[in-house]
PDB file of N, CA and C in Angstrom:
ATOM      1  N   UNK A   1      -7.593  62.168 216.841  1.00  0.00           N
ATOM      2  CA  UNK A   1      -6.675  62.321 217.947  1.00  0.00           C
ATOM      3  C   UNK A   1      -7.421  61.936 219.227  1.00  0.00           C
ATOM      4  N   UNK A   2      -6.804  61.125 220.028  1.00  0.00           N
ATOM      5  CA  UNK A   2      -7.441  60.648 221.259  1.00  0.00           C
ATOM      6  C   UNK A   2      -7.364  61.724 222.349  1.00  0.00           C
ATOM      7  N   UNK A   3      -8.250  61.638 223.335  1.00  0.00           N
ATOM      8  CA  UNK A   3      -8.203  62.605 224.438  1.00  0.00           C
ATOM      9  C   UNK A   3      -6.848  62.627 225.154  1.00  0.00           C
ATOM     10  N   UNK A   4      -6.234  61.468 225.324  1.00  0.00           N
ATOM     11  CA  UNK A   4      -4.933  61.450 226.008  1.00  0.00           C
ATOM     12  C   UNK A   4      -3.850  62.140 225.176  1.00  0.00           C
ATOM     13  N   UNK A   5      -3.949  62.051 223.856  1.00  0.00           N
ATOM     14  CA  UNK A   5      -2.984  62.743 222.997  1.00  0.00           C
ATOM     15  C   UNK A   5      -3.170  64.258 223.093  1.00  0.00           C
ATOM     16  N   UNK A   6      -4.417  64.701 223.164  1.00  0.00           N
ATOM     17  CA  UNK A   6      -4.691  66.137 223.303  1.00  0.00           C
ATOM     18  C   UNK A   6      -4.150  66.647 224.632  1.00  0.00           C
ATOM     19  N   UNK A   7      -4.385  65.886 225.692  1.00  0.00           N
ATOM     20  CA  UNK A   7      -3.875  66.272 227.011  1.00  0.00           C
ATOM     21  C   UNK A   7      -2.355  66.363 226.978  1.00  0.00           C
ATOM     22  N   UNK A   8      -1.698  65.394 226.347  1.00  0.00           N
ATOM     23  CA  UNK A   8      -0.237  65.416 226.273  1.00  0.00           C
ATOM     24  C   UNK A   8       0.255  66.629 225.493  1.00  0.00           C
ATOM     25  N   UNK A   9      -0.416  66.958 224.397  1.00  0.00           N
ATOM     26  CA  UNK A   9      -0.016  68.141 223.624  1.00  0.00           C
ATOM     27  C   UNK A   9      -0.168  69.406 224.461  1.00  0.00           C
ATOM     28  N   UNK A  10      -1.263  69.497 225.211  1.00  0.00           N
ATOM     29  CA  UNK A  10      -1.464  70.668 226.065  1.00  0.00           C
ATOM     30  C   UNK A  10      -0.362  70.787 227.113  1.00  0.00           C
ATOM     31  N   UNK A  11       0.006  69.671 227.737  1.00  0.00           N
ATOM     32  CA  UNK A  11       1.080  69.711 228.723  1.00  0.00           C
ATOM     33  C   UNK A  11       2.399  70.102 228.070  1.00  0.00           C
ATOM     34  N   UNK A  12       2.629  69.650 226.844  1.00  0.00           N
ATOM     35  CA  UNK A  12       3.850  70.047 226.132  1.00  0.00           C
ATOM     36  C   UNK A  12       3.870  71.555 225.905  1.00  0.00           C
ATOM     37  N   UNK A  13       2.715  72.119 225.505  1.00  0.00           N
ATOM     38  CA  UNK A  13       2.624  73.572 225.333  1.00  0.00           C
ATOM     39  C   UNK A  13       2.853  74.278 226.667  1.00  0.00           C
ATOM     40  N   UNK A  14       2.288  73.731 227.749  1.00  0.00           N
ATOM     41  CA  UNK A  14       2.493  74.318 229.084  1.00  0.00           C
ATOM     42  C   UNK A  14       3.972  74.375 229.426  1.00  0.00           C
ATOM     43  N   UNK A  15       4.679  73.294 229.160  1.00  0.00           N
ATOM     44  CA  UNK A  15       6.112  73.248 229.467  1.00  0.00           C
ATOM     45  C   UNK A  15       6.885  74.283 228.671  1.00  0.00           C
ATOM     46  N   UNK A  16       6.544  74.436 227.402  1.00  0.00           N
ATOM     47  CA  UNK A  16       7.235  75.425 226.560  1.00  0.00           C
ATOM     48  C   UNK A  16       6.971  76.829 227.077  1.00  0.00           C
ATOM     49  N   UNK A  17       5.702  77.140 227.355  1.00  0.00           N
ATOM     50  CA  UNK A  17       5.358  78.480 227.822  1.00  0.00           C
ATOM     51  C   UNK A  17       5.983  78.766 229.188  1.00  0.00           C
ATOM     52  N   UNK A  18       5.971  77.794 230.072  1.00  0.00           N
ATOM     53  CA  UNK A  18       6.566  77.974 231.396  1.00  0.00           C
ATOM     54  C   UNK A  18       8.069  78.200 231.265  1.00  0.00           C
ATOM     55  N   UNK A  19       8.708  77.425 230.400  1.00  0.00           N
ATOM     56  CA  UNK A  19      10.153  77.560 230.208  1.00  0.00           C
ATOM     57  C   UNK A  19      10.525  78.898 229.583  1.00  0.00           C
ATOM     58  N   UNK A  20       9.578  79.524 228.884  1.00  0.00           N
ATOM     59  CA  UNK A  20       9.822  80.846 228.305  1.00  0.00           C
ATOM     60  C   UNK A  20       9.570  81.965 229.304  1.00  0.00           C
ATOM     61  N   UNK A  21       9.235  81.602 230.542  1.00  0.00           N
ATOM     62  CA  UNK A  21       9.092  82.606 231.586  1.00  0.00           C
ATOM     63  C   UNK A  21       7.680  83.114 231.816  1.00  0.00           C
ATOM     64  N   UNK A  22       6.698  82.510 231.189  1.00  0.00           N
ATOM     65  CA  UNK A  22       5.320  82.947 231.402  1.00  0.00           C
ATOM     66  C   UNK A  22       4.815  82.428 232.739  1.00  0.00           C
ATOM     67  N   UNK A  23       3.959  83.207 233.363  1.00  0.00           N
ATOM     68  CA  UNK A  23       3.363  82.766 234.623  1.00  0.00           C
ATOM     69  C   UNK A  23       2.262  81.751 234.337  1.00  0.00           C
ATOM     70  N   UNK A  24       1.866  81.036 235.370  1.00  0.00           N
ATOM     71  CA  UNK A  24       0.807  80.022 235.247  1.00  0.00           C
ATOM     72  C   UNK A  24      -0.460  80.635 234.658  1.00  0.00           C
ATOM     73  N   UNK A  25      -0.876  81.776 235.178  1.00  0.00           N
ATOM     74  CA  UNK A  25      -2.088  82.436 234.683  1.00  0.00           C
ATOM     75  C   UNK A  25      -1.985  82.819 233.219  1.00  0.00           C
ATOM     76  N   UNK A  26      -0.814  83.284 232.798  1.00  0.00           N
ATOM     77  CA  UNK A  26      -0.624  83.684 231.406  1.00  0.00           C
ATOM     78  C   UNK A  26      -0.723  82.497 230.460  1.00  0.00           C
ATOM     79  N   UNK A  27      -0.078  81.387 230.804  1.00  0.00           N
ATOM     80  CA  UNK A  27      -0.127  80.283 229.854  1.00  0.00           C
ATOM     81  C   UNK A  27      -1.454  79.558 229.886  1.00  0.00           C
ATOM     82  N   UNK A  28      -2.165  79.584 231.006  1.00  0.00           N
ATOM     83  CA  UNK A  28      -3.525  79.031 231.020  1.00  0.00           C
ATOM     84  C   UNK A  28      -4.418  79.859 230.098  1.00  0.00           C
ATOM     85  N   UNK A  29      -4.249  81.173 230.135  1.00  0.00           N
ATOM     86  CA  UNK A  29      -5.021  82.052 229.257  1.00  0.00           C
ATOM     87  C   UNK A  29      -4.728  81.748 227.784  1.00  0.00           C
ATOM     88  N   UNK A  30      -3.472  81.614 227.429  1.00  0.00           N
ATOM     89  CA  UNK A  30      -3.101  81.343 226.042  1.00  0.00           C
ATOM     90  C   UNK A  30      -3.623  79.989 225.571  1.00  0.00           C
ATOM     91  N   UNK A  31      -3.523  78.977 226.412  1.00  0.00           N
ATOM     92  CA  UNK A  31      -4.020  77.650 226.040  1.00  0.00           C
ATOM     93  C   UNK A  31      -5.538  77.641 225.932  1.00  0.00           C
ATOM     94  N   UNK A  32      -6.217  78.443 226.734  1.00  0.00           N
ATOM     95  CA  UNK A  32      -7.671  78.560 226.631  1.00  0.00           C
ATOM     96  C   UNK A  32      -8.052  79.127 225.271  1.00  0.00           C
ATOM     97  N   UNK A  33      -7.326  80.139 224.812  1.00  0.00           N
ATOM     98  CA  UNK A  33      -7.584  80.690 223.475  1.00  0.00           C
ATOM     99  C   UNK A  33      -7.378  79.632 222.398  1.00  0.00           C
ATOM    100  N   UNK A  34      -6.298  78.873 222.495  1.00  0.00           N
ATOM    101  CA  UNK A  34      -6.033  77.826 221.507  1.00  0.00           C
ATOM    102  C   UNK A  34      -7.142  76.781 221.482  1.00  0.00           C
ATOM    103  N   UNK A  35      -7.595  76.359 222.655  1.00  0.00           N
ATOM    104  CA  UNK A  35      -8.677  75.372 222.720  1.00  0.00           C
ATOM    105  C   UNK A  35      -9.972  75.924 222.144  1.00  0.00           C
ATOM    106  N   UNK A  36     -10.267  77.184 222.423  1.00  0.00           N
ATOM    107  CA  UNK A  36     -11.460  77.819 221.876  1.00  0.00           C
ATOM    108  C   UNK A  36     -11.407  77.843 220.351  1.00  0.00           C
ATOM    109  N   UNK A  37     -10.264  78.234 219.792  1.00  0.00           N
ATOM    110  CA  UNK A  37     -10.128  78.277 218.337  1.00  0.00           C
ATOM    111  C   UNK A  37     -10.226  76.882 217.732  1.00  0.00           C
ATOM    112  N   UNK A  38      -9.642  75.895 218.389  1.00  0.00           N
ATOM    113  CA  UNK A  38      -9.721  74.516 217.911  1.00  0.00           C
ATOM    114  C   UNK A  38     -11.166  74.034 217.928  1.00  0.00           C
ATOM    115  N   UNK A  39     -11.890  74.317 219.005  1.00  0.00           N
ATOM    116  CA  UNK A  39     -13.282  73.900 219.119  1.00  0.00           C
ATOM    117  C   UNK A  39     -14.131  74.565 218.029  1.00  0.00           C
ATOM    118  N   UNK A  40     -13.916  75.846 217.790  1.00  0.00           N
ATOM    119  CA  UNK A  40     -14.665  76.555 216.756  1.00  0.00           C
ATOM    120  C   UNK A  40     -14.378  75.962 215.379  1.00  0.00           C
ATOM    121  N   UNK A  41     -13.125  75.627 215.123  1.00  0.00           N
ATOM    122  CA  UNK A  41     -12.750  75.026 213.847  1.00  0.00           C
ATOM    123  C   UNK A  41     -13.396  73.654 213.672  1.00  0.00           C
ATOM    124  N   UNK A  42     -13.357  72.827 214.698  1.00  0.00           N
ATOM    125  CA  UNK A  42     -13.942  71.481 214.624  1.00  0.00           C
ATOM    126  C   UNK A  42     -15.448  71.528 214.400  1.00  0.00           C
ATOM    127  N   UNK A  43     -16.123  72.482 215.014  1.00  0.00           N
ATOM    128  CA  UNK A  43     -17.579  72.578 214.869  1.00  0.00           C
ATOM    129  C   UNK A  43     -17.988  73.035 213.468  1.00  0.00           C
ATOM    130  N   UNK A  44     -17.067  73.641 212.724  1.00  0.00           N
ATOM    131  CA  UNK A  44     -17.392  74.096 211.371  1.00  0.00           C
ATOM    132  C   UNK A  44     -17.197  73.001 210.325  1.00  0.00           C
ATOM    133  N   UNK A  45     -16.720  71.830 210.752  1.00  0.00           N
ATOM    134  CA  UNK A  45     -16.461  70.702 209.847  1.00  0.00           C
ATOM    135  C   UNK A  45     -17.482  69.592 210.085  1.00  0.00           C
ATOM    136  N   UNK A  46     -17.569  68.642 209.133  1.00  0.00           N
ATOM    137  CA  UNK A  46     -18.480  67.505 209.338  1.00  0.00           C
ATOM    138  C   UNK A  46     -18.120  66.758 210.614  1.00  0.00           C
ATOM    139  N   UNK A  47     -19.055  66.230 211.314  1.00  0.00           N
ATOM    140  CA  UNK A  47     -20.478  66.092 211.013  1.00  0.00           C
ATOM    141  C   UNK A  47     -21.327  67.281 211.451  1.00  0.00           C
ATOM    142  N   UNK A  48     -20.724  68.306 212.073  1.00  0.00           N
ATOM    143  CA  UNK A  48     -21.501  69.421 212.613  1.00  0.00           C
ATOM    144  C   UNK A  48     -21.865  70.453 211.557  1.00  0.00           C
ATOM    145  N   UNK A  49     -20.888  70.878 210.770  1.00  0.00           N
ATOM    146  CA  UNK A  49     -21.086  71.857 209.697  1.00  0.00           C
ATOM    147  C   UNK A  49     -21.803  73.118 210.168  1.00  0.00           C
ATOM    148  N   UNK A  50     -21.460  73.585 211.347  1.00  0.00           N
ATOM    149  CA  UNK A  50     -22.068  74.797 211.883  1.00  0.00           C
ATOM    150  C   UNK A  50     -21.276  76.014 211.422  1.00  0.00           C
ATOM    151  N   UNK A  51     -21.957  77.135 211.233  1.00  0.00           N
ATOM    152  CA  UNK A  51     -21.215  78.344 210.858  1.00  0.00           C
ATOM    153  C   UNK A  51     -20.299  78.775 212.005  1.00  0.00           C
ATOM    154  N   UNK A  52     -19.109  79.164 211.670  1.00  0.00           N
ATOM    155  CA  UNK A  52     -18.142  79.566 212.688  1.00  0.00           C
ATOM    156  C   UNK A  52     -18.415  80.996 213.123  1.00  0.00           C
ATOM    157  N   UNK A  53     -18.318  81.229 214.411  1.00  0.00           N
ATOM    158  CA  UNK A  53     -18.457  82.572 214.963  1.00  0.00           C
ATOM    159  C   UNK A  53     -17.115  83.310 214.960  1.00  0.00           C
ATOM    160  N   UNK A  54     -16.057  82.587 214.615  1.00  0.00           N
ATOM    161  CA  UNK A  54     -14.710  83.148 214.608  1.00  0.00           C
ATOM    162  C   UNK A  54     -14.315  83.420 213.158  1.00  0.00           C
ATOM    163  N   UNK A  55     -13.862  84.640 212.840  1.00  0.00           N
ATOM    164  CA  UNK A  55     -13.430  84.928 211.476  1.00  0.00           C
ATOM    165  C   UNK A  55     -12.315  83.980 211.024  1.00  0.00           C
ATOM    166  N   UNK A  56     -12.330  83.620 209.750  1.00  0.00           N
ATOM    167  CA  UNK A  56     -11.376  82.649 209.197  1.00  0.00           C
ATOM    168  C   UNK A  56      -9.916  83.054 209.406  1.00  0.00           C
ATOM    169  N   UNK A  57      -9.617  84.351 209.417  1.00  0.00           N
ATOM    170  CA  UNK A  57      -8.213  84.755 209.572  1.00  0.00           C
ATOM    171  C   UNK A  57      -7.648  84.389 210.943  1.00  0.00           C
ATOM    172  N   UNK A  58      -8.522  84.088 211.901  1.00  0.00           N
ATOM    173  CA  UNK A  58      -8.059  83.675 213.229  1.00  0.00           C
ATOM    174  C   UNK A  58      -7.936  82.166 213.362  1.00  0.00           C
ATOM    175  N   UNK A  59      -8.489  81.434 212.421  1.00  0.00           N
ATOM    176  CA  UNK A  59      -8.379  79.975 212.427  1.00  0.00           C
ATOM    177  C   UNK A  59      -7.494  79.596 211.248  1.00  0.00           C
ATOM    178  N   UNK A  60      -6.201  79.671 211.469  1.00  0.00           N
ATOM    179  CA  UNK A  60      -5.253  79.354 210.408  1.00  0.00           C
ATOM    180  C   UNK A  60      -4.316  78.259 210.876  1.00  0.00           C
ATOM    181  N   UNK A  61      -4.015  77.365 209.989  1.00  0.00           N
ATOM    182  CA  UNK A  61      -3.077  76.303 210.323  1.00  0.00           C
ATOM    183  C   UNK A  61      -3.666  75.260 211.241  1.00  0.00           C
ATOM    184  N   UNK A  62      -2.818  74.367 211.641  1.00  0.00           N
ATOM    185  CA  UNK A  62      -3.231  73.261 212.487  1.00  0.00           C
ATOM    186  C   UNK A  62      -2.843  73.568 213.930  1.00  0.00           C
ATOM    187  N   UNK A  63      -3.830  73.634 214.804  1.00  0.00           N
ATOM    188  CA  UNK A  63      -3.562  73.921 216.212  1.00  0.00           C
ATOM    189  C   UNK A  63      -3.102  72.668 216.923  1.00  0.00           C
ATOM    190  N   UNK A  64      -3.825  71.566 216.723  1.00  0.00           N
ATOM    191  CA  UNK A  64      -3.479  70.295 217.358  1.00  0.00           C
ATOM    192  C   UNK A  64      -3.320  69.245 216.299  1.00  0.00           C
TER     193      UNK A  64
END
């Protein structure tokens, strides 16, 4: 996935959260959690193969 595609997905999530009545601070917080979980998941796969600091039950499904 290209950086521009990731940015577009994030903006799409922002629009959904904003339309559901969340404040700017709330949806920035939620998207930060999603990015953190995505980063942790990516680092546990090749070529990095690092042990994840996040329990597997929190990294479920496809985030992006």
